[in-house]
Amino acid sequence: MNTLKFKTTINCDACVAKVTPVLNEQENVNNWSVDTENLDKVLTVEGERIDEADLVKSLSKIGYKAERI
């Protein structure tokens, strides 16, 4: 299983609620979480052969930025 981490603009519980359907629909993503307490608002994604570009693009479509760290 691979683990990817992203610095994001997902700031609060309402933001997490908005991204939940998008992240749950991602192929090959088994688990994800957002640390909104971290200054970088770190999104951690676990799965096999995750399409990083598609994930970033999907978040961008709903107004959130994600940058791999």
PDB file of N, CA and C in Angstrom:
ATOM      1  N   MET A   1       0.848  -1.184   0.000  1.00  0.00           N
ATOM      2  CA  MET A   1       0.000   0.000   0.000  1.00  0.00           C
ATOM      3  C   MET A   1       0.887   1.239   0.000  1.00  0.00           C
ATOM      4  N   ASN A   2       0.517   2.214  -0.796  1.00  0.00           N
ATOM      5  CA  ASN A   2       1.241   3.470  -0.870  1.00  0.00           C
ATOM      6  C   ASN A   2       0.544   4.514  -0.007  1.00  0.00           C
ATOM      7  N   THR A   3       1.337   5.432   0.525  1.00  0.00           N
ATOM      8  CA  THR A   3       0.796   6.553   1.286  1.00  0.00           C
ATOM      9  C   THR A   3       1.312   7.838   0.657  1.00  0.00           C
ATOM     10  N   LEU A   4       0.381   8.705   0.263  1.00  0.00           N
ATOM     11  CA  LEU A   4       0.733   9.998  -0.294  1.00  0.00           C
ATOM     12  C   LEU A   4       0.258  11.078   0.659  1.00  0.00           C
ATOM     13  N   LYS A   5       1.054  12.154   0.761  1.00  0.00           N
ATOM     14  CA  LYS A   5       0.682  13.284   1.615  1.00  0.00           C
ATOM     15  C   LYS A   5       0.667  14.548   0.771  1.00  0.00           C
ATOM     16  N   PHE A   6      -0.334  15.390   1.046  1.00  0.00           N
ATOM     17  CA  PHE A   6      -0.512  16.628   0.302  1.00  0.00           C
ATOM     18  C   PHE A   6      -0.738  17.790   1.260  1.00  0.00           C
ATOM     19  N   LYS A   7      -0.123  18.921   0.957  1.00  0.00           N
ATOM     20  CA  LYS A   7      -0.437  20.177   1.627  1.00  0.00           C
ATOM     21  C   LYS A   7      -1.684  20.701   0.915  1.00  0.00           C
ATOM     22  N   THR A   8      -2.722  21.064   1.684  1.00  0.00           N
ATOM     23  CA  THR A   8      -3.997  21.434   1.060  1.00  0.00           C
ATOM     24  C   THR A   8      -4.554  22.744   1.601  1.00  0.00           C
ATOM     25  N   THR A   9      -5.670  23.139   1.023  1.00  0.00           N
ATOM     26  CA  THR A   9      -6.446  24.287   1.519  1.00  0.00           C
ATOM     27  C   THR A   9      -7.751  23.808   2.160  1.00  0.00           C
ATOM     28  N   ILE A  10      -7.769  22.564   2.634  1.00  0.00           N
ATOM     29  CA  ILE A  10      -8.930  21.997   3.324  1.00  0.00           C
ATOM     30  C   ILE A  10      -8.812  22.408   4.793  1.00  0.00           C
ATOM     31  N   ASN A  11      -9.578  23.443   5.190  1.00  0.00           N
ATOM     32  CA  ASN A  11      -9.349  24.109   6.473  1.00  0.00           C
ATOM     33  C   ASN A  11     -10.171  23.642   7.655  1.00  0.00           C
ATOM     34  N   CYS A  12     -11.380  23.109   7.425  1.00  0.00           N
ATOM     35  CA  CYS A  12     -12.294  22.894   8.547  1.00  0.00           C
ATOM     36  C   CYS A  12     -13.177  21.676   8.296  1.00  0.00           C
ATOM     37  N   ASP A  13     -14.029  21.392   9.254  1.00  0.00           N
ATOM     38  CA  ASP A  13     -14.930  20.242   9.126  1.00  0.00           C
ATOM     39  C   ASP A  13     -15.881  20.385   7.942  1.00  0.00           C
ATOM     40  N   ALA A  14     -16.324  21.602   7.659  1.00  0.00           N
ATOM     41  CA  ALA A  14     -17.206  21.817   6.505  1.00  0.00           C
ATOM     42  C   ALA A  14     -16.465  21.520   5.202  1.00  0.00           C
ATOM     43  N   CYS A  15     -15.191  21.883   5.167  1.00  0.00           N
ATOM     44  CA  CYS A  15     -14.368  21.584   3.991  1.00  0.00           C
ATOM     45  C   CYS A  15     -14.198  20.071   3.836  1.00  0.00           C
ATOM     46  N   VAL A  16     -13.946  19.395   4.936  1.00  0.00           N
ATOM     47  CA  VAL A  16     -13.794  17.939   4.906  1.00  0.00           C
ATOM     48  C   VAL A  16     -15.085  17.301   4.388  1.00  0.00           C
ATOM     49  N   ALA A  17     -16.214  17.805   4.844  1.00  0.00           N
ATOM     50  CA  ALA A  17     -17.501  17.275   4.376  1.00  0.00           C
ATOM     51  C   ALA A  17     -17.665  17.474   2.872  1.00  0.00           C
ATOM     52  N   LYS A  18     -17.170  18.603   2.359  1.00  0.00           N
ATOM     53  CA  LYS A  18     -17.296  18.892   0.930  1.00  0.00           C
ATOM     54  C   LYS A  18     -16.394  17.980   0.087  1.00  0.00           C
ATOM     55  N   VAL A  19     -15.196  17.659   0.592  1.00  0.00           N
ATOM     56  CA  VAL A  19     -14.270  16.826  -0.189  1.00  0.00           C
ATOM     57  C   VAL A  19     -14.531  15.334  -0.018  1.00  0.00           C
ATOM     58  N   THR A  20     -15.288  14.952   1.000  1.00  0.00           N
ATOM     59  CA  THR A  20     -15.529  13.535   1.275  1.00  0.00           C
ATOM     60  C   THR A  20     -16.057  12.761   0.062  1.00  0.00           C
ATOM     61  N   PRO A  21     -17.114  13.226  -0.615  1.00  0.00           N
ATOM     62  CA  PRO A  21     -17.602  12.451  -1.764  1.00  0.00           C
ATOM     63  C   PRO A  21     -16.559  12.336  -2.878  1.00  0.00           C
ATOM     64  N   VAL A  22     -15.801  13.395  -3.088  1.00  0.00           N
ATOM     65  CA  VAL A  22     -14.782  13.394  -4.143  1.00  0.00           C
ATOM     66  C   VAL A  22     -13.679  12.384  -3.825  1.00  0.00           C
ATOM     67  N   LEU A  23     -13.206  12.398  -2.594  1.00  0.00           N
ATOM     68  CA  LEU A  23     -12.128  11.479  -2.212  1.00  0.00           C
ATOM     69  C   LEU A  23     -12.623  10.035  -2.137  1.00  0.00           C
ATOM     70  N   ASN A  24     -13.856   9.847  -1.712  1.00  0.00           N
ATOM     71  CA  ASN A  24     -14.402   8.487  -1.635  1.00  0.00           C
ATOM     72  C   ASN A  24     -14.595   7.868  -3.013  1.00  0.00           C
ATOM     73  N   GLU A  25     -14.760   8.701  -4.038  1.00  0.00           N
ATOM     74  CA  GLU A  25     -14.945   8.208  -5.402  1.00  0.00           C
ATOM     75  C   GLU A  25     -13.627   7.899  -6.110  1.00  0.00           C
ATOM     76  N   GLN A  26     -12.500   8.296  -5.536  1.00  0.00           N
ATOM     77  CA  GLN A  26     -11.208   8.073  -6.176  1.00  0.00           C
ATOM     78  C   GLN A  26     -10.895   6.584  -6.260  1.00  0.00           C
ATOM     79  N   GLU A  27     -10.504   6.149  -7.449  1.00  0.00           N
ATOM     80  CA  GLU A  27     -10.121   4.747  -7.629  1.00  0.00           C
ATOM     81  C   GLU A  27      -8.835   4.459  -6.874  1.00  0.00           C
ATOM     82  N   ASN A  28      -8.738   3.277  -6.339  1.00  0.00           N
ATOM     83  CA  ASN A  28      -7.541   2.777  -5.666  1.00  0.00           C
ATOM     84  C   ASN A  28      -7.235   3.461  -4.340  1.00  0.00           C
ATOM     85  N   VAL A  29      -8.113   4.338  -3.855  1.00  0.00           N
ATOM     86  CA  VAL A  29      -7.919   4.963  -2.544  1.00  0.00           C
ATOM     87  C   VAL A  29      -8.664   4.125  -1.513  1.00  0.00           C
ATOM     88  N   ASN A  30      -7.922   3.578  -0.561  1.00  0.00           N
ATOM     89  CA  ASN A  30      -8.524   2.742   0.474  1.00  0.00           C
ATOM     90  C   ASN A  30      -8.900   3.536   1.718  1.00  0.00           C
ATOM     91  N   ASN A  31      -8.104   4.574   2.006  1.00  0.00           N
ATOM     92  CA  ASN A  31      -8.305   5.341   3.227  1.00  0.00           C
ATOM     93  C   ASN A  31      -7.728   6.733   3.019  1.00  0.00           C
ATOM     94  N   TRP A  32      -8.326   7.718   3.661  1.00  0.00           N
ATOM     95  CA  TRP A  32      -7.794   9.077   3.598  1.00  0.00           C
ATOM     96  C   TRP A  32      -8.179   9.821   4.865  1.00  0.00           C
ATOM     97  N   SER A  33      -7.410  10.851   5.182  1.00  0.00           N
ATOM     98  CA  SER A  33      -7.713  11.702   6.328  1.00  0.00           C
ATOM     99  C   SER A  33      -7.074  13.065   6.108  1.00  0.00           C
ATOM    100  N   VAL A  34      -7.635  14.082   6.770  1.00  0.00           N
ATOM    101  CA  VAL A  34      -7.096  15.430   6.703  1.00  0.00           C
ATOM    102  C   VAL A  34      -6.814  15.903   8.117  1.00  0.00           C
ATOM    103  N   ASP A  35      -5.595  16.370   8.343  1.00  0.00           N
ATOM    104  CA  ASP A  35      -5.219  16.923   9.645  1.00  0.00           C
ATOM    105  C   ASP A  35      -5.427  18.433   9.583  1.00  0.00           C
ATOM    106  N   THR A  36      -6.621  18.888   9.955  1.00  0.00           N
ATOM    107  CA  THR A  36      -6.925  20.316   9.890  1.00  0.00           C
ATOM    108  C   THR A  36      -6.252  21.103  11.008  1.00  0.00           C
ATOM    109  N   GLU A  37      -5.681  20.424  11.986  1.00  0.00           N
ATOM    110  CA  GLU A  37      -4.956  21.095  13.071  1.00  0.00           C
ATOM    111  C   GLU A  37      -3.538  21.478  12.627  1.00  0.00           C
ATOM    112  N   ASN A  38      -3.001  20.777  11.634  1.00  0.00           N
ATOM    113  CA  ASN A  38      -1.670  21.055  11.097  1.00  0.00           C
ATOM    114  C   ASN A  38      -1.738  22.329  10.259  1.00  0.00           C
ATOM    115  N   LEU A  39      -0.736  23.185  10.355  1.00  0.00           N
ATOM    116  CA  LEU A  39      -0.719  24.433   9.583  1.00  0.00           C
ATOM    117  C   LEU A  39      -0.794  24.193   8.079  1.00  0.00           C
ATOM    118  N   ASP A  40      -0.259  23.060   7.620  1.00  0.00           N
ATOM    119  CA  ASP A  40      -0.277  22.727   6.199  1.00  0.00           C
ATOM    120  C   ASP A  40      -1.537  21.975   5.772  1.00  0.00           C
ATOM    121  N   LYS A  41      -2.451  21.707   6.727  1.00  0.00           N
ATOM    122  CA  LYS A  41      -3.718  21.008   6.422  1.00  0.00           C
ATOM    123  C   LYS A  41      -3.442  19.747   5.603  1.00  0.00           C
ATOM    124  N   VAL A  42      -2.665  18.848   6.181  1.00  0.00           N
ATOM    125  CA  VAL A  42      -2.136  17.687   5.475  1.00  0.00           C
ATOM    126  C   VAL A  42      -3.212  16.629   5.208  1.00  0.00           C
ATOM    127  N   LEU A  43      -3.352  16.317   3.922  1.00  0.00           N
ATOM    128  CA  LEU A  43      -4.217  15.233   3.461  1.00  0.00           C
ATOM    129  C   LEU A  43      -3.342  14.007   3.275  1.00  0.00           C
ATOM    130  N   THR A  44      -3.686  12.917   3.945  1.00  0.00           N
ATOM    131  CA  THR A  44      -2.978  11.653   3.809  1.00  0.00           C
ATOM    132  C   THR A  44      -3.891  10.673   3.093  1.00  0.00           C
ATOM    133  N   VAL A  45      -3.379  10.098   2.011  1.00  0.00           N
ATOM    134  CA  VAL A  45      -4.166   9.180   1.188  1.00  0.00           C
ATOM    135  C   VAL A  45      -3.420   7.854   1.107  1.00  0.00           C
ATOM    136  N   GLU A  46      -4.135   6.754   1.365  1.00  0.00           N
ATOM    137  CA  GLU A  46      -3.532   5.421   1.287  1.00  0.00           C
ATOM    138  C   GLU A  46      -4.246   4.590   0.233  1.00  0.00           C
ATOM    139  N   GLY A  47      -3.477   3.809  -0.508  1.00  0.00           N
ATOM    140  CA  GLY A  47      -4.056   2.939  -1.518  1.00  0.00           C
ATOM    141  C   GLY A  47      -2.995   2.389  -2.445  1.00  0.00           C
ATOM    142  N   GLU A  48      -3.438   1.740  -3.497  1.00  0.00           N
ATOM    143  CA  GLU A  48      -2.541   1.150  -4.491  1.00  0.00           C
ATOM    144  C   GLU A  48      -2.684   1.904  -5.807  1.00  0.00           C
ATOM    145  N   ARG A  49      -1.563   2.253  -6.412  1.00  0.00           N
ATOM    146  CA  ARG A  49      -1.540   2.911  -7.725  1.00  0.00           C
ATOM    147  C   ARG A  49      -2.512   4.093  -7.788  1.00  0.00           C
ATOM    148  N   ILE A  50      -2.411   4.977  -6.815  1.00  0.00           N
ATOM    149  CA  ILE A  50      -3.260   6.166  -6.759  1.00  0.00           C
ATOM    150  C   ILE A  50      -2.866   7.105  -7.891  1.00  0.00           C
ATOM    151  N   ASP A  51      -3.856   7.608  -8.615  1.00  0.00           N
ATOM    152  CA  ASP A  51      -3.618   8.570  -9.691  1.00  0.00           C
ATOM    153  C   ASP A  51      -3.536   9.960  -9.056  1.00  0.00           C
ATOM    154  N   GLU A  52      -2.307  10.368  -8.747  1.00  0.00           N
ATOM    155  CA  GLU A  52      -2.079  11.637  -8.050  1.00  0.00           C
ATOM    156  C   GLU A  52      -2.642  12.821  -8.834  1.00  0.00           C
ATOM    157  N   ALA A  53      -2.399  12.857 -10.134  1.00  0.00           N
ATOM    158  CA  ALA A  53      -2.873  13.975 -10.959  1.00  0.00           C
ATOM    159  C   ALA A  53      -4.395  14.062 -10.953  1.00  0.00           C
ATOM    160  N   ASP A  54      -5.071  12.925 -11.022  1.00  0.00           N
ATOM    161  CA  ASP A  54      -6.538  12.909 -11.011  1.00  0.00           C
ATOM    162  C   ASP A  54      -7.067  13.380  -9.666  1.00  0.00           C
ATOM    163  N   LEU A  55      -6.428  12.960  -8.594  1.00  0.00           N
ATOM    164  CA  LEU A  55      -6.847  13.367  -7.257  1.00  0.00           C
ATOM    165  C   LEU A  55      -6.736  14.883  -7.106  1.00  0.00           C
ATOM    166  N   VAL A  56      -5.592  15.445  -7.501  1.00  0.00           N
ATOM    167  CA  VAL A  56      -5.374  16.893  -7.401  1.00  0.00           C
ATOM    168  C   VAL A  56      -6.389  17.637  -8.279  1.00  0.00           C
ATOM    169  N   LYS A  57      -6.623  17.137  -9.480  1.00  0.00           N
ATOM    170  CA  LYS A  57      -7.574  17.767 -10.406  1.00  0.00           C
ATOM    171  C   LYS A  57      -8.995  17.723  -9.838  1.00  0.00           C
ATOM    172  N   SER A  58      -9.381  16.599  -9.251  1.00  0.00           N
ATOM    173  CA  SER A  58     -10.721  16.461  -8.670  1.00  0.00           C
ATOM    174  C   SER A  58     -10.931  17.448  -7.523  1.00  0.00           C
ATOM    175  N   LEU A  59      -9.920  17.631  -6.689  1.00  0.00           N
ATOM    176  CA  LEU A  59     -10.026  18.598  -5.593  1.00  0.00           C
ATOM    177  C   LEU A  59     -10.076  20.022  -6.134  1.00  0.00           C
ATOM    178  N   SER A  60      -9.314  20.279  -7.169  1.00  0.00           N
ATOM    179  CA  SER A  60      -9.287  21.607  -7.786  1.00  0.00           C
ATOM    180  C   SER A  60     -10.661  21.994  -8.341  1.00  0.00           C
ATOM    181  N   LYS A  61     -11.364  21.026  -8.902  1.00  0.00           N
ATOM    182  CA  LYS A  61     -12.695  21.278  -9.481  1.00  0.00           C
ATOM    183  C   LYS A  61     -13.694  21.784  -8.450  1.00  0.00           C
ATOM    184  N   ILE A  62     -13.490  21.426  -7.179  1.00  0.00           N
ATOM    185  CA  ILE A  62     -14.412  21.887  -6.136  1.00  0.00           C
ATOM    186  C   ILE A  62     -13.788  22.995  -5.270  1.00  0.00           C
ATOM    187  N   GLY A  63     -12.662  23.556  -5.747  1.00  0.00           N
ATOM    188  CA  GLY A  63     -12.109  24.747  -5.111  1.00  0.00           C
ATOM    189  C   GLY A  63     -10.988  24.547  -4.103  1.00  0.00           C
ATOM    190  N   TYR A  64     -10.365  23.382  -4.085  1.00  0.00           N
ATOM    191  CA  TYR A  64      -9.296  23.117  -3.129  1.00  0.00           C
ATOM    192  C   TYR A  64      -7.983  22.838  -3.837  1.00  0.00           C
ATOM    193  N   LYS A  65      -6.905  23.340  -3.256  1.00  0.00           N
ATOM    194  CA  LYS A  65      -5.573  23.078  -3.797  1.00  0.00           C
ATOM    195  C   LYS A  65      -4.938  21.946  -3.003  1.00  0.00           C
ATOM    196  N   ALA A  66      -4.147  21.139  -3.699  1.00  0.00           N
ATOM    197  CA  ALA A  66      -3.394  20.055  -3.052  1.00  0.00           C
ATOM    198  C   ALA A  66      -2.034  19.967  -3.728  1.00  0.00           C
ATOM    199  N   GLU A  67      -0.989  19.988  -2.910  1.00  0.00           N
ATOM    200  CA  GLU A  67       0.383  19.919  -3.411  1.00  0.00           C
ATOM    201  C   GLU A  67       1.112  18.800  -2.680  1.00  0.00           C
ATOM    202  N   ARG A  68       1.691  17.885  -3.418  1.00  0.00           N
ATOM    203  CA  ARG A  68       2.370  16.728  -2.832  1.00  0.00           C
ATOM    204  C   ARG A  68       3.531  17.183  -1.955  1.00  0.00           C
ATOM    205  N   ILE A  69       3.644  16.580  -0.791  1.00  0.00           N
ATOM    206  CA  ILE A  69       4.783  16.858   0.094  1.00  0.00           C
ATOM    207  C   ILE A  69       5.519  15.587   0.413  1.00  0.00           C
TER     208      ILE A  69
END
